[in-house]
Amino acid sequence: MTEAKQNPKQPSNAKDAPPSNTEKDPSDWITGDEPMTGAQASYLKTLSEEAKEEFDANLSKAEASRRIDALQEKTGRGK
């Protein structure tokens, strides 16, 4: 029987996987102070309309991310 060799650069299972970089706290973002992206603005506008709340077009990327999370919670969308 041949034993399979493990690639040392790849984790053997999910438990050994490095932490994900896809869900960082917005306060830790290097570009968090930049203006929100077009995609953020579009989604935030939609969520704001659904939640019947004011849309603020002057939010930073980090502020927009936190606002999206709050409005998703309020509207039942997303996560």
N, C-alpha and C. Protein backbone atom coordinates (compact mmCIF):
# COMPACT_ATOMS: atom_id res chain seq x y z
N MET A 1 0.84 -1.17 0.00
CA MET A 1 0.00 0.00 0.00
C MET A 1 0.89 1.24 0.00
N THR A 2 0.58 2.18 -0.87
CA THR A 2 1.37 3.40 -0.97
C THR A 2 0.76 4.47 -0.08
N GLU A 3 1.60 5.13 0.67
CA GLU A 3 1.13 6.19 1.55
C GLU A 3 1.14 7.51 0.78
N ALA A 4 0.03 8.24 0.85
CA ALA A 4 -0.06 9.53 0.16
C ALA A 4 0.78 10.55 0.91
N LYS A 5 1.53 11.33 0.15
CA LYS A 5 2.33 12.39 0.77
C LYS A 5 1.47 13.64 0.91
N GLN A 6 1.63 14.29 2.05
CA GLN A 6 0.89 15.53 2.27
C GLN A 6 1.75 16.70 1.84
N ASN A 7 1.11 17.67 1.21
CA ASN A 7 1.79 18.90 0.84
C ASN A 7 1.89 19.75 2.10
N PRO A 8 3.10 20.08 2.56
CA PRO A 8 3.24 20.85 3.80
C PRO A 8 2.64 22.26 3.71
N LYS A 9 2.42 22.76 2.51
CA LYS A 9 1.84 24.09 2.35
C LYS A 9 0.33 24.07 2.43
N GLN A 10 -0.28 22.91 2.31
CA GLN A 10 -1.73 22.80 2.38
C GLN A 10 -2.13 22.16 3.70
N PRO A 11 -3.12 22.73 4.38
CA PRO A 11 -3.55 22.12 5.64
C PRO A 11 -4.16 20.75 5.40
N SER A 12 -3.97 19.84 6.38
CA SER A 12 -4.49 18.49 6.25
C SER A 12 -5.99 18.44 6.46
N ASN A 13 -6.53 19.37 7.20
CA ASN A 13 -7.97 19.45 7.38
C ASN A 13 -8.35 20.87 7.75
N ALA A 14 -9.64 21.15 7.85
CA ALA A 14 -10.11 22.51 8.10
C ALA A 14 -9.61 23.04 9.44
N LYS A 15 -9.45 22.17 10.41
CA LYS A 15 -8.97 22.58 11.73
C LYS A 15 -7.59 23.22 11.65
N ASP A 16 -6.78 22.75 10.71
CA ASP A 16 -5.42 23.25 10.56
C ASP A 16 -5.32 24.45 9.61
N ALA A 17 -6.43 24.80 9.00
CA ALA A 17 -6.42 25.88 8.01
C ALA A 17 -6.12 27.22 8.69
N PRO A 18 -5.39 28.09 7.99
CA PRO A 18 -5.12 29.41 8.56
C PRO A 18 -6.43 30.20 8.68
N PRO A 19 -6.47 31.17 9.58
CA PRO A 19 -7.70 31.97 9.73
C PRO A 19 -8.06 32.66 8.43
N SER A 20 -9.34 32.80 8.19
CA SER A 20 -9.82 33.43 6.96
C SER A 20 -9.55 34.92 6.99
N ASN A 21 -9.22 35.47 5.84
CA ASN A 21 -8.99 36.90 5.70
C ASN A 21 -10.22 37.57 5.09
N THR A 22 -11.29 36.81 4.87
CA THR A 22 -12.46 37.38 4.21
C THR A 22 -13.39 38.13 5.17
N GLU A 23 -13.21 37.92 6.47
CA GLU A 23 -14.09 38.58 7.43
C GLU A 23 -13.26 39.29 8.49
N LYS A 24 -12.70 40.42 8.11
CA LYS A 24 -11.95 41.26 9.04
C LYS A 24 -12.88 42.30 9.63
N ASP A 25 -12.58 42.71 10.84
CA ASP A 25 -13.32 43.81 11.44
C ASP A 25 -13.03 45.07 10.62
N PRO A 26 -14.06 45.82 10.23
CA PRO A 26 -13.83 47.02 9.41
C PRO A 26 -12.85 48.01 10.04
N SER A 27 -12.77 48.05 11.36
CA SER A 27 -11.83 48.97 12.00
C SER A 27 -10.38 48.56 11.75
N ASP A 28 -10.15 47.32 11.31
CA ASP A 28 -8.81 46.83 11.01
C ASP A 28 -8.43 46.98 9.53
N TRP A 29 -9.34 47.47 8.71
CA TRP A 29 -9.08 47.60 7.28
C TRP A 29 -8.07 48.72 7.02
N ILE A 30 -7.10 48.45 6.19
CA ILE A 30 -6.12 49.47 5.81
C ILE A 30 -6.80 50.58 5.00
N THR A 31 -7.76 50.22 4.17
CA THR A 31 -8.44 51.20 3.31
C THR A 31 -9.81 51.59 3.87
N GLY A 32 -10.05 51.32 5.14
CA GLY A 32 -11.36 51.59 5.73
C GLY A 32 -11.78 53.05 5.72
N ASP A 33 -10.81 53.97 5.67
CA ASP A 33 -11.13 55.40 5.67
C ASP A 33 -11.44 55.94 4.27
N GLU A 34 -11.22 55.13 3.25
CA GLU A 34 -11.51 55.57 1.88
C GLU A 34 -13.02 55.61 1.68
N PRO A 35 -13.49 56.36 0.67
CA PRO A 35 -14.93 56.39 0.39
C PRO A 35 -15.44 54.99 0.05
N MET A 36 -16.70 54.73 0.40
CA MET A 36 -17.27 53.41 0.11
C MET A 36 -17.22 53.13 -1.38
N THR A 37 -17.22 51.86 -1.72
CA THR A 37 -17.17 51.45 -3.12
C THR A 37 -18.54 51.63 -3.76
N GLY A 38 -18.58 51.57 -5.07
CA GLY A 38 -19.84 51.66 -5.79
C GLY A 38 -20.78 50.52 -5.42
N ALA A 39 -20.22 49.33 -5.25
CA ALA A 39 -21.04 48.17 -4.88
C ALA A 39 -21.64 48.37 -3.48
N GLN A 40 -20.84 48.88 -2.55
CA GLN A 40 -21.35 49.15 -1.21
C GLN A 40 -22.47 50.19 -1.27
N ALA A 41 -22.26 51.25 -2.03
CA ALA A 41 -23.25 52.32 -2.12
C ALA A 41 -24.56 51.80 -2.70
N SER A 42 -24.47 51.00 -3.73
CA SER A 42 -25.67 50.45 -4.37
C SER A 42 -26.45 49.57 -3.41
N TYR A 43 -25.76 48.65 -2.74
CA TYR A 43 -26.42 47.74 -1.82
C TYR A 43 -26.96 48.49 -0.60
N LEU A 44 -26.18 49.44 -0.11
CA LEU A 44 -26.60 50.22 1.05
C LEU A 44 -27.85 51.05 0.73
N LYS A 45 -27.90 51.57 -0.47
CA LYS A 45 -29.08 52.34 -0.88
C LYS A 45 -30.32 51.43 -0.90
N THR A 46 -30.17 50.24 -1.45
CA THR A 46 -31.27 49.27 -1.49
C THR A 46 -31.71 48.90 -0.07
N LEU A 47 -30.75 48.59 0.79
CA LEU A 47 -31.09 48.23 2.17
C LEU A 47 -31.74 49.39 2.91
N SER A 48 -31.25 50.60 2.68
CA SER A 48 -31.82 51.78 3.33
C SER A 48 -33.27 51.98 2.92
N GLU A 49 -33.54 51.81 1.63
CA GLU A 49 -34.92 51.94 1.15
C GLU A 49 -35.82 50.89 1.79
N GLU A 50 -35.35 49.64 1.85
CA GLU A 50 -36.14 48.56 2.44
C GLU A 50 -36.40 48.79 3.93
N ALA A 51 -35.40 49.35 4.62
CA ALA A 51 -35.52 49.60 6.05
C ALA A 51 -36.21 50.93 6.35
N LYS A 52 -36.51 51.68 5.28
CA LYS A 52 -37.11 53.01 5.41
C LYS A 52 -36.23 53.92 6.28
N GLU A 53 -34.95 53.87 5.97
CA GLU A 53 -33.98 54.71 6.67
C GLU A 53 -33.21 55.53 5.65
N GLU A 54 -32.63 56.62 6.12
CA GLU A 54 -31.91 57.54 5.25
C GLU A 54 -30.61 56.90 4.75
N PHE A 55 -30.32 57.13 3.47
CA PHE A 55 -29.08 56.67 2.85
C PHE A 55 -28.05 57.80 2.96
N ASP A 56 -26.88 57.50 3.51
CA ASP A 56 -25.79 58.48 3.63
C ASP A 56 -24.71 58.13 2.61
N ALA A 57 -24.59 58.94 1.59
CA ALA A 57 -23.64 58.68 0.51
C ALA A 57 -22.21 59.04 0.88
N ASN A 58 -22.00 59.59 2.05
CA ASN A 58 -20.66 60.06 2.43
C ASN A 58 -19.94 59.16 3.42
N LEU A 59 -20.35 57.91 3.53
CA LEU A 59 -19.72 56.99 4.46
C LEU A 59 -18.39 56.46 3.91
N SER A 60 -17.49 56.12 4.81
CA SER A 60 -16.25 55.45 4.41
C SER A 60 -16.55 53.98 4.15
N LYS A 61 -15.57 53.26 3.63
CA LYS A 61 -15.73 51.82 3.39
C LYS A 61 -16.09 51.10 4.69
N ALA A 62 -15.36 51.41 5.76
CA ALA A 62 -15.60 50.74 7.04
C ALA A 62 -16.97 51.10 7.59
N GLU A 63 -17.34 52.38 7.54
CA GLU A 63 -18.65 52.80 8.03
C GLU A 63 -19.77 52.15 7.22
N ALA A 64 -19.59 52.08 5.92
CA ALA A 64 -20.59 51.47 5.05
C ALA A 64 -20.75 49.98 5.38
N SER A 65 -19.64 49.31 5.63
CA SER A 65 -19.71 47.89 5.97
C SER A 65 -20.51 47.68 7.26
N ARG A 66 -20.23 48.49 8.27
CA ARG A 66 -20.97 48.37 9.53
C ARG A 66 -22.44 48.70 9.34
N ARG A 67 -22.74 49.70 8.52
CA ARG A 67 -24.13 50.09 8.26
C ARG A 67 -24.86 48.98 7.50
N ILE A 68 -24.18 48.37 6.54
CA ILE A 68 -24.76 47.24 5.80
C ILE A 68 -25.10 46.12 6.76
N ASP A 69 -24.18 45.79 7.66
CA ASP A 69 -24.45 44.73 8.64
C ASP A 69 -25.68 45.05 9.48
N ALA A 70 -25.78 46.29 9.93
CA ALA A 70 -26.92 46.68 10.76
C ALA A 70 -28.23 46.62 9.99
N LEU A 71 -28.21 47.09 8.74
CA LEU A 71 -29.44 47.08 7.94
C LEU A 71 -29.81 45.67 7.50
N GLN A 72 -28.82 44.81 7.27
CA GLN A 72 -29.12 43.42 6.96
C GLN A 72 -29.84 42.76 8.14
N GLU A 73 -29.39 43.07 9.33
CA GLU A 73 -30.02 42.54 10.53
C GLU A 73 -31.46 43.05 10.62
N LYS A 74 -31.64 44.31 10.37
CA LYS A 74 -32.98 44.92 10.47
C LYS A 74 -33.94 44.38 9.40
N THR A 75 -33.44 44.19 8.19
CA THR A 75 -34.31 43.76 7.09
C THR A 75 -34.39 42.24 6.93
N GLY A 76 -33.52 41.51 7.61
CA GLY A 76 -33.52 40.06 7.48
C GLY A 76 -32.77 39.56 6.27
N ARG A 77 -32.03 40.45 5.61
CA ARG A 77 -31.24 40.06 4.43
C ARG A 77 -29.84 39.64 4.86
N GLY A 78 -29.16 39.03 3.94
CA GLY A 78 -27.74 38.74 4.14
C GLY A 78 -27.51 37.57 5.08
N LYS A 79 -26.61 37.77 5.96
CA LYS A 79 -26.11 36.72 6.86
C LYS A 79 -27.20 35.97 7.50
